[in-house]
Amino acid sequence: MPDTERQVLRAADRLVAAFGGGRVDDYFACFHPEATFVFYTTNHRLESSAAWRELWDTLEREEDFRVLECRSGARRVQDLGETAVFTHDVETRVSTRAGEETLRERETIVFARQADGSWLAVHEHLSPAAQG
């Protein structure tokens, strides 16, 4: 496995583990401050990590939103030099005031190599997985 692919998979593993483990600060530390987010559950693009964190905090406060578990599969890394595209299937178990739910989704995360050699997510796009 090429070194860039290994590094990006490690960065993705950190992100997914923090998300699935409910470690919110660790999860948001995986994103560049200027990262953008496109979620099918919102009607607009989130223009920064701070905007996504604000929405997350609102969901926690108003809906008792919690991530209980997250699993990643069918993973692929496309190495484009200083950026890489990570795609995967994601299954997430969440809890809200309405109860528990398992979400099956597809996700694309674009990572960019930072000056220190680390990889941060700079864009995330989430869509529902096709049923069937």
N, C-alpha and C. Protein backbone atom coordinates (compact mmCIF):
# COMPACT_ATOMS: atom_id res chain seq x y z
N MET A 1 0.86 -1.18 0.00
CA MET A 1 0.00 0.00 0.00
C MET A 1 0.91 1.25 0.00
N PRO A 2 0.66 2.18 -0.91
CA PRO A 2 1.47 3.40 -0.95
C PRO A 2 1.35 4.20 0.36
N ASP A 3 2.41 4.95 0.69
CA ASP A 3 2.48 5.68 1.94
C ASP A 3 1.34 6.69 2.09
N THR A 4 1.03 7.44 1.03
CA THR A 4 -0.05 8.43 1.12
C THR A 4 -1.37 7.75 1.45
N GLU A 5 -1.64 6.65 0.79
CA GLU A 5 -2.89 5.93 1.07
C GLU A 5 -2.95 5.49 2.53
N ARG A 6 -1.86 4.99 3.04
CA ARG A 6 -1.79 4.55 4.44
C ARG A 6 -2.04 5.74 5.39
N GLN A 7 -1.41 6.88 5.09
CA GLN A 7 -1.57 8.07 5.93
C GLN A 7 -3.01 8.58 5.91
N VAL A 8 -3.61 8.59 4.75
CA VAL A 8 -5.00 9.08 4.63
C VAL A 8 -5.95 8.11 5.33
N LEU A 9 -5.71 6.82 5.19
CA LEU A 9 -6.57 5.86 5.89
C LEU A 9 -6.43 6.02 7.40
N ARG A 10 -5.23 6.31 7.89
CA ARG A 10 -5.07 6.56 9.32
C ARG A 10 -5.85 7.80 9.74
N ALA A 11 -5.78 8.86 8.94
CA ALA A 11 -6.54 10.08 9.24
C ALA A 11 -8.04 9.80 9.23
N ALA A 12 -8.49 9.02 8.26
CA ALA A 12 -9.91 8.66 8.19
C ALA A 12 -10.31 7.79 9.38
N ASP A 13 -9.44 6.86 9.76
CA ASP A 13 -9.72 6.01 10.92
C ASP A 13 -9.88 6.85 12.19
N ARG A 14 -9.00 7.85 12.36
CA ARG A 14 -9.10 8.74 13.53
C ARG A 14 -10.44 9.47 13.52
N LEU A 15 -10.81 9.99 12.37
CA LEU A 15 -12.06 10.73 12.24
C LEU A 15 -13.26 9.84 12.57
N VAL A 16 -13.32 8.66 11.94
CA VAL A 16 -14.45 7.75 12.15
C VAL A 16 -14.50 7.25 13.60
N ALA A 17 -13.34 6.94 14.17
CA ALA A 17 -13.32 6.45 15.56
C ALA A 17 -13.78 7.54 16.52
N ALA A 18 -13.34 8.77 16.31
CA ALA A 18 -13.78 9.86 17.19
C ALA A 18 -15.27 10.10 17.04
N PHE A 19 -15.76 10.10 15.81
CA PHE A 19 -17.19 10.29 15.56
C PHE A 19 -17.99 9.16 16.21
N GLY A 20 -17.61 7.92 15.94
CA GLY A 20 -18.33 6.77 16.46
C GLY A 20 -18.24 6.63 17.96
N GLY A 21 -17.17 7.15 18.55
CA GLY A 21 -16.98 7.07 19.99
C GLY A 21 -17.56 8.24 20.75
N GLY A 22 -18.19 9.16 20.02
CA GLY A 22 -18.79 10.32 20.69
C GLY A 22 -17.77 11.30 21.23
N ARG A 23 -16.54 11.24 20.72
CA ARG A 23 -15.49 12.17 21.16
C ARG A 23 -15.53 13.39 20.25
N VAL A 24 -16.42 14.30 20.57
CA VAL A 24 -16.76 15.41 19.68
C VAL A 24 -15.57 16.32 19.42
N ASP A 25 -14.81 16.68 20.45
CA ASP A 25 -13.66 17.55 20.24
C ASP A 25 -12.61 16.88 19.35
N ASP A 26 -12.36 15.59 19.57
CA ASP A 26 -11.41 14.85 18.73
C ASP A 26 -11.91 14.78 17.29
N TYR A 27 -13.21 14.58 17.12
CA TYR A 27 -13.80 14.52 15.78
C TYR A 27 -13.57 15.84 15.04
N PHE A 28 -13.91 16.95 15.67
CA PHE A 28 -13.77 18.24 14.99
C PHE A 28 -12.30 18.62 14.77
N ALA A 29 -11.40 18.07 15.56
CA ALA A 29 -9.97 18.33 15.36
C ALA A 29 -9.46 17.68 14.07
N CYS A 30 -10.22 16.78 13.49
CA CYS A 30 -9.84 16.12 12.24
C CYS A 30 -10.12 16.99 11.01
N PHE A 31 -10.77 18.13 11.21
CA PHE A 31 -11.16 19.00 10.10
C PHE A 31 -10.36 20.30 10.10
N HIS A 32 -10.04 20.77 8.93
CA HIS A 32 -9.46 22.10 8.76
C HIS A 32 -10.54 23.12 9.16
N PRO A 33 -10.17 24.24 9.77
CA PRO A 33 -11.18 25.23 10.16
C PRO A 33 -12.04 25.72 8.99
N GLU A 34 -11.49 25.74 7.78
CA GLU A 34 -12.24 26.22 6.62
C GLU A 34 -12.90 25.09 5.83
N ALA A 35 -13.00 23.91 6.42
CA ALA A 35 -13.66 22.79 5.75
C ALA A 35 -15.11 23.13 5.46
N THR A 36 -15.63 22.54 4.38
CA THR A 36 -17.05 22.70 4.03
C THR A 36 -17.73 21.35 4.15
N PHE A 37 -19.06 21.41 4.32
CA PHE A 37 -19.85 20.20 4.57
C PHE A 37 -21.14 20.26 3.78
N VAL A 38 -21.45 19.18 3.07
CA VAL A 38 -22.72 19.05 2.35
C VAL A 38 -23.41 17.80 2.88
N PHE A 39 -24.49 18.02 3.60
CA PHE A 39 -25.27 16.93 4.18
C PHE A 39 -26.67 16.95 3.59
N TYR A 40 -27.18 15.79 3.25
CA TYR A 40 -28.54 15.71 2.69
C TYR A 40 -29.59 16.06 3.75
N THR A 41 -29.20 16.11 4.99
CA THR A 41 -30.13 16.43 6.08
C THR A 41 -30.26 17.92 6.35
N THR A 42 -29.45 18.73 5.66
CA THR A 42 -29.54 20.18 5.80
C THR A 42 -29.86 20.80 4.44
N ASN A 43 -30.43 21.97 4.46
CA ASN A 43 -30.84 22.61 3.21
C ASN A 43 -29.80 23.59 2.68
N HIS A 44 -28.61 23.60 3.27
CA HIS A 44 -27.56 24.51 2.82
C HIS A 44 -26.19 23.92 3.13
N ARG A 45 -25.19 24.41 2.42
CA ARG A 45 -23.81 23.99 2.68
C ARG A 45 -23.33 24.66 3.96
N LEU A 46 -22.63 23.92 4.78
CA LEU A 46 -22.00 24.49 5.97
C LEU A 46 -20.60 24.96 5.55
N GLU A 47 -20.30 26.21 5.82
CA GLU A 47 -19.12 26.86 5.24
C GLU A 47 -17.85 26.77 6.09
N SER A 48 -17.92 26.10 7.24
CA SER A 48 -16.73 25.98 8.08
C SER A 48 -16.95 24.89 9.12
N SER A 49 -15.85 24.48 9.73
CA SER A 49 -15.95 23.53 10.84
C SER A 49 -16.74 24.14 11.99
N ALA A 50 -16.58 25.44 12.21
CA ALA A 50 -17.32 26.12 13.28
C ALA A 50 -18.83 26.08 13.02
N ALA A 51 -19.23 26.22 11.77
CA ALA A 51 -20.66 26.15 11.44
C ALA A 51 -21.21 24.75 11.70
N TRP A 52 -20.45 23.72 11.35
CA TRP A 52 -20.87 22.34 11.62
C TRP A 52 -20.91 22.09 13.13
N ARG A 53 -19.93 22.60 13.86
CA ARG A 53 -19.92 22.42 15.31
C ARG A 53 -21.12 23.12 15.95
N GLU A 54 -21.47 24.29 15.45
CA GLU A 54 -22.64 25.00 15.97
C GLU A 54 -23.91 24.19 15.73
N LEU A 55 -24.05 23.62 14.53
CA LEU A 55 -25.21 22.78 14.24
C LEU A 55 -25.20 21.54 15.13
N TRP A 56 -24.05 20.91 15.29
CA TRP A 56 -23.92 19.73 16.15
C TRP A 56 -24.39 20.07 17.57
N ASP A 57 -23.89 21.18 18.12
CA ASP A 57 -24.27 21.59 19.47
C ASP A 57 -25.77 21.84 19.58
N THR A 58 -26.36 22.41 18.54
CA THR A 58 -27.82 22.63 18.53
C THR A 58 -28.56 21.30 18.53
N LEU A 59 -28.10 20.34 17.73
CA LEU A 59 -28.74 19.02 17.70
C LEU A 59 -28.64 18.33 19.06
N GLU A 60 -27.50 18.45 19.71
CA GLU A 60 -27.35 17.87 21.04
C GLU A 60 -28.32 18.52 22.03
N ARG A 61 -28.38 19.81 21.99
CA ARG A 61 -29.19 20.57 22.94
C ARG A 61 -30.69 20.38 22.70
N GLU A 62 -31.12 20.45 21.44
CA GLU A 62 -32.54 20.43 21.13
C GLU A 62 -33.12 19.04 20.90
N GLU A 63 -32.28 18.07 20.47
CA GLU A 63 -32.79 16.74 20.15
C GLU A 63 -32.13 15.63 20.95
N ASP A 64 -31.23 15.99 21.87
CA ASP A 64 -30.43 15.00 22.61
C ASP A 64 -29.68 14.07 21.66
N PHE A 65 -29.19 14.61 20.56
CA PHE A 65 -28.46 13.86 19.55
C PHE A 65 -27.17 13.29 20.12
N ARG A 66 -26.96 11.99 19.89
CA ARG A 66 -25.74 11.31 20.30
C ARG A 66 -25.39 10.26 19.24
N VAL A 67 -24.11 10.16 18.93
CA VAL A 67 -23.63 9.08 18.07
C VAL A 67 -23.24 7.93 18.98
N LEU A 68 -23.79 6.77 18.72
CA LEU A 68 -23.54 5.60 19.55
C LEU A 68 -22.48 4.67 18.95
N GLU A 69 -22.41 4.65 17.62
CA GLU A 69 -21.49 3.73 16.95
C GLU A 69 -21.39 4.13 15.48
N CYS A 70 -20.23 3.90 14.88
CA CYS A 70 -20.04 4.18 13.47
C CYS A 70 -19.10 3.14 12.88
N ARG A 71 -19.51 2.57 11.75
CA ARG A 71 -18.68 1.58 11.05
C ARG A 71 -18.45 2.03 9.62
N SER A 72 -17.24 1.79 9.14
CA SER A 72 -16.82 2.21 7.80
C SER A 72 -16.46 0.98 6.98
N GLY A 73 -16.91 0.95 5.73
CA GLY A 73 -16.58 -0.16 4.85
C GLY A 73 -16.46 0.30 3.41
N ALA A 74 -16.04 -0.61 2.54
CA ALA A 74 -15.88 -0.32 1.11
C ALA A 74 -15.07 0.96 0.91
N ARG A 75 -13.93 1.01 1.57
CA ARG A 75 -13.11 2.23 1.61
C ARG A 75 -12.20 2.32 0.39
N ARG A 76 -12.03 3.56 -0.08
CA ARG A 76 -11.14 3.81 -1.22
C ARG A 76 -10.46 5.16 -1.03
N VAL A 77 -9.17 5.20 -1.34
CA VAL A 77 -8.42 6.45 -1.32
C VAL A 77 -7.92 6.73 -2.73
N GLN A 78 -8.16 7.93 -3.20
CA GLN A 78 -7.61 8.40 -4.47
C GLN A 78 -6.54 9.44 -4.14
N ASP A 79 -5.30 9.12 -4.42
CA ASP A 79 -4.17 9.99 -4.12
C ASP A 79 -4.00 11.00 -5.26
N LEU A 80 -4.14 12.28 -4.93
CA LEU A 80 -4.01 13.34 -5.93
C LEU A 80 -2.84 14.27 -5.58
N GLY A 81 -1.88 13.76 -4.85
CA GLY A 81 -0.72 14.57 -4.48
C GLY A 81 -0.89 15.18 -3.10
N GLU A 82 -1.16 16.46 -3.06
CA GLU A 82 -1.34 17.16 -1.79
C GLU A 82 -2.78 17.05 -1.27
N THR A 83 -3.66 16.46 -2.06
CA THR A 83 -5.02 16.16 -1.63
C THR A 83 -5.31 14.70 -1.91
N ALA A 84 -6.30 14.17 -1.23
CA ALA A 84 -6.73 12.80 -1.44
C ALA A 84 -8.23 12.73 -1.19
N VAL A 85 -8.89 11.89 -1.97
CA VAL A 85 -10.33 11.70 -1.83
C VAL A 85 -10.56 10.34 -1.19
N PHE A 86 -11.26 10.35 -0.08
CA PHE A 86 -11.60 9.13 0.65
C PHE A 86 -13.10 8.91 0.51
N THR A 87 -13.49 7.76 -0.01
CA THR A 87 -14.90 7.41 -0.10
C THR A 87 -15.13 6.11 0.66
N HIS A 88 -16.32 6.02 1.26
CA HIS A 88 -16.65 4.80 2.00
C HIS A 88 -18.16 4.71 2.22
N ASP A 89 -18.57 3.51 2.59
CA ASP A 89 -19.94 3.28 3.07
C ASP A 89 -19.87 3.41 4.58
N VAL A 90 -20.86 4.05 5.15
CA VAL A 90 -20.83 4.29 6.58
C VAL A 90 -22.18 3.90 7.19
N GLU A 91 -22.11 3.18 8.30
CA GLU A 91 -23.31 2.79 9.05
C GLU A 91 -23.17 3.38 10.45
N THR A 92 -24.13 4.22 10.82
CA THR A 92 -24.05 4.94 12.08
C THR A 92 -25.30 4.70 12.90
N ARG A 93 -25.10 4.37 14.15
CA ARG A 93 -26.22 4.23 15.08
C ARG A 93 -26.25 5.50 15.93
N VAL A 94 -27.39 6.18 15.91
CA VAL A 94 -27.56 7.43 16.64
C VAL A 94 -28.75 7.32 17.58
N SER A 95 -28.75 8.23 18.54
CA SER A 95 -29.85 8.32 19.50
C SER A 95 -30.32 9.77 19.55
N THR A 96 -31.63 9.95 19.57
CA THR A 96 -32.24 11.27 19.78
C THR A 96 -33.43 11.06 20.71
N ARG A 97 -34.12 12.13 20.99
CA ARG A 97 -35.34 12.01 21.82
C ARG A 97 -36.35 11.06 21.20
N ALA A 98 -36.30 10.91 19.87
CA ALA A 98 -37.23 10.02 19.17
C ALA A 98 -36.84 8.55 19.31
N GLY A 99 -35.63 8.28 19.80
CA GLY A 99 -35.17 6.90 19.96
C GLY A 99 -33.89 6.65 19.17
N GLU A 100 -33.54 5.38 19.03
CA GLU A 100 -32.34 5.00 18.30
C GLU A 100 -32.66 4.73 16.85
N GLU A 101 -31.67 5.01 15.99
CA GLU A 101 -31.84 4.80 14.56
C GLU A 101 -30.49 4.41 13.97
N THR A 102 -30.51 3.53 12.96
CA THR A 102 -29.29 3.19 12.24
C THR A 102 -29.37 3.81 10.86
N LEU A 103 -28.36 4.61 10.54
CA LEU A 103 -28.29 5.30 9.26
C LEU A 103 -27.29 4.60 8.36
N ARG A 104 -27.67 4.37 7.12
CA ARG A 104 -26.76 3.78 6.13
C ARG A 104 -26.54 4.84 5.05
N GLU A 105 -25.27 5.24 4.93
CA GLU A 105 -24.95 6.37 4.07
C GLU A 105 -23.67 6.11 3.28
N ARG A 106 -23.45 6.94 2.28
CA ARG A 106 -22.20 6.97 1.54
C ARG A 106 -21.56 8.33 1.80
N GLU A 107 -20.25 8.32 1.90
CA GLU A 107 -19.59 9.56 2.27
C GLU A 107 -18.31 9.74 1.47
N THR A 108 -18.07 10.99 1.10
CA THR A 108 -16.81 11.40 0.49
C THR A 108 -16.18 12.43 1.40
N ILE A 109 -14.92 12.22 1.72
CA ILE A 109 -14.16 13.18 2.52
C ILE A 109 -12.90 13.52 1.73
N VAL A 110 -12.68 14.79 1.50
CA VAL A 110 -11.46 15.25 0.84
C VAL A 110 -10.47 15.67 1.92
N PHE A 111 -9.29 15.08 1.86
CA PHE A 111 -8.23 15.40 2.81
C PHE A 111 -7.15 16.21 2.10
N ALA A 112 -6.51 17.13 2.83
CA ALA A 112 -5.39 17.91 2.31
C ALA A 112 -4.20 17.74 3.24
N ARG A 113 -3.03 17.55 2.63
CA ARG A 113 -1.80 17.44 3.41
C ARG A 113 -1.46 18.81 3.97
N GLN A 114 -1.17 18.86 5.26
CA GLN A 114 -0.81 20.11 5.94
C GLN A 114 0.71 20.30 5.90
N ALA A 115 1.16 21.48 6.24
CA ALA A 115 2.59 21.81 6.20
C ALA A 115 3.41 20.86 7.07
N ASP A 116 2.82 20.36 8.16
CA ASP A 116 3.54 19.45 9.05
C ASP A 116 3.48 17.98 8.60
N GLY A 117 2.84 17.74 7.43
CA GLY A 117 2.73 16.39 6.89
C GLY A 117 1.48 15.65 7.30
N SER A 118 0.71 16.18 8.24
CA SER A 118 -0.53 15.54 8.66
C SER A 118 -1.61 15.78 7.60
N TRP A 119 -2.70 15.05 7.70
CA TRP A 119 -3.81 15.17 6.78
C TRP A 119 -5.05 15.62 7.54
N LEU A 120 -5.69 16.69 7.08
CA LEU A 120 -6.94 17.17 7.65
C LEU A 120 -8.03 17.12 6.60
N ALA A 121 -9.24 16.85 7.04
CA ALA A 121 -10.39 16.87 6.14
C ALA A 121 -10.74 18.31 5.79
N VAL A 122 -10.94 18.57 4.49
CA VAL A 122 -11.28 19.92 4.04
C VAL A 122 -12.67 19.98 3.42
N HIS A 123 -13.27 18.83 3.15
CA HIS A 123 -14.64 18.79 2.64
C HIS A 123 -15.24 17.42 2.95
N GLU A 124 -16.51 17.45 3.31
CA GLU A 124 -17.25 16.21 3.57
C GLU A 124 -18.59 16.30 2.86
N HIS A 125 -18.94 15.23 2.16
CA HIS A 125 -20.23 15.14 1.47
C HIS A 125 -20.87 13.82 1.85
N LEU A 126 -22.09 13.89 2.36
CA LEU A 126 -22.80 12.72 2.85
C LEU A 126 -24.10 12.56 2.09
N SER A 127 -24.40 11.32 1.70
CA SER A 127 -25.67 11.04 1.03
C SER A 127 -26.22 9.71 1.53
N PRO A 128 -27.54 9.54 1.44
CA PRO A 128 -28.11 8.25 1.88
C PRO A 128 -27.67 7.14 0.93
N ALA A 129 -27.45 5.96 1.47
CA ALA A 129 -27.11 4.81 0.65
C ALA A 129 -28.37 4.32 -0.05
N ALA A 130 -28.22 3.82 -1.24
CA ALA A 130 -29.35 3.26 -1.98
C ALA A 130 -29.89 2.06 -1.20
N GLN A 131 -31.18 1.94 -1.17
CA GLN A 131 -31.82 0.82 -0.48
C GLN A 131 -31.83 -0.41 -1.40
N GLY A 132 -31.58 -1.57 -0.79
CA GLY A 132 -31.71 -2.78 -1.58
C GLY A 132 -30.53 -3.63 -1.65
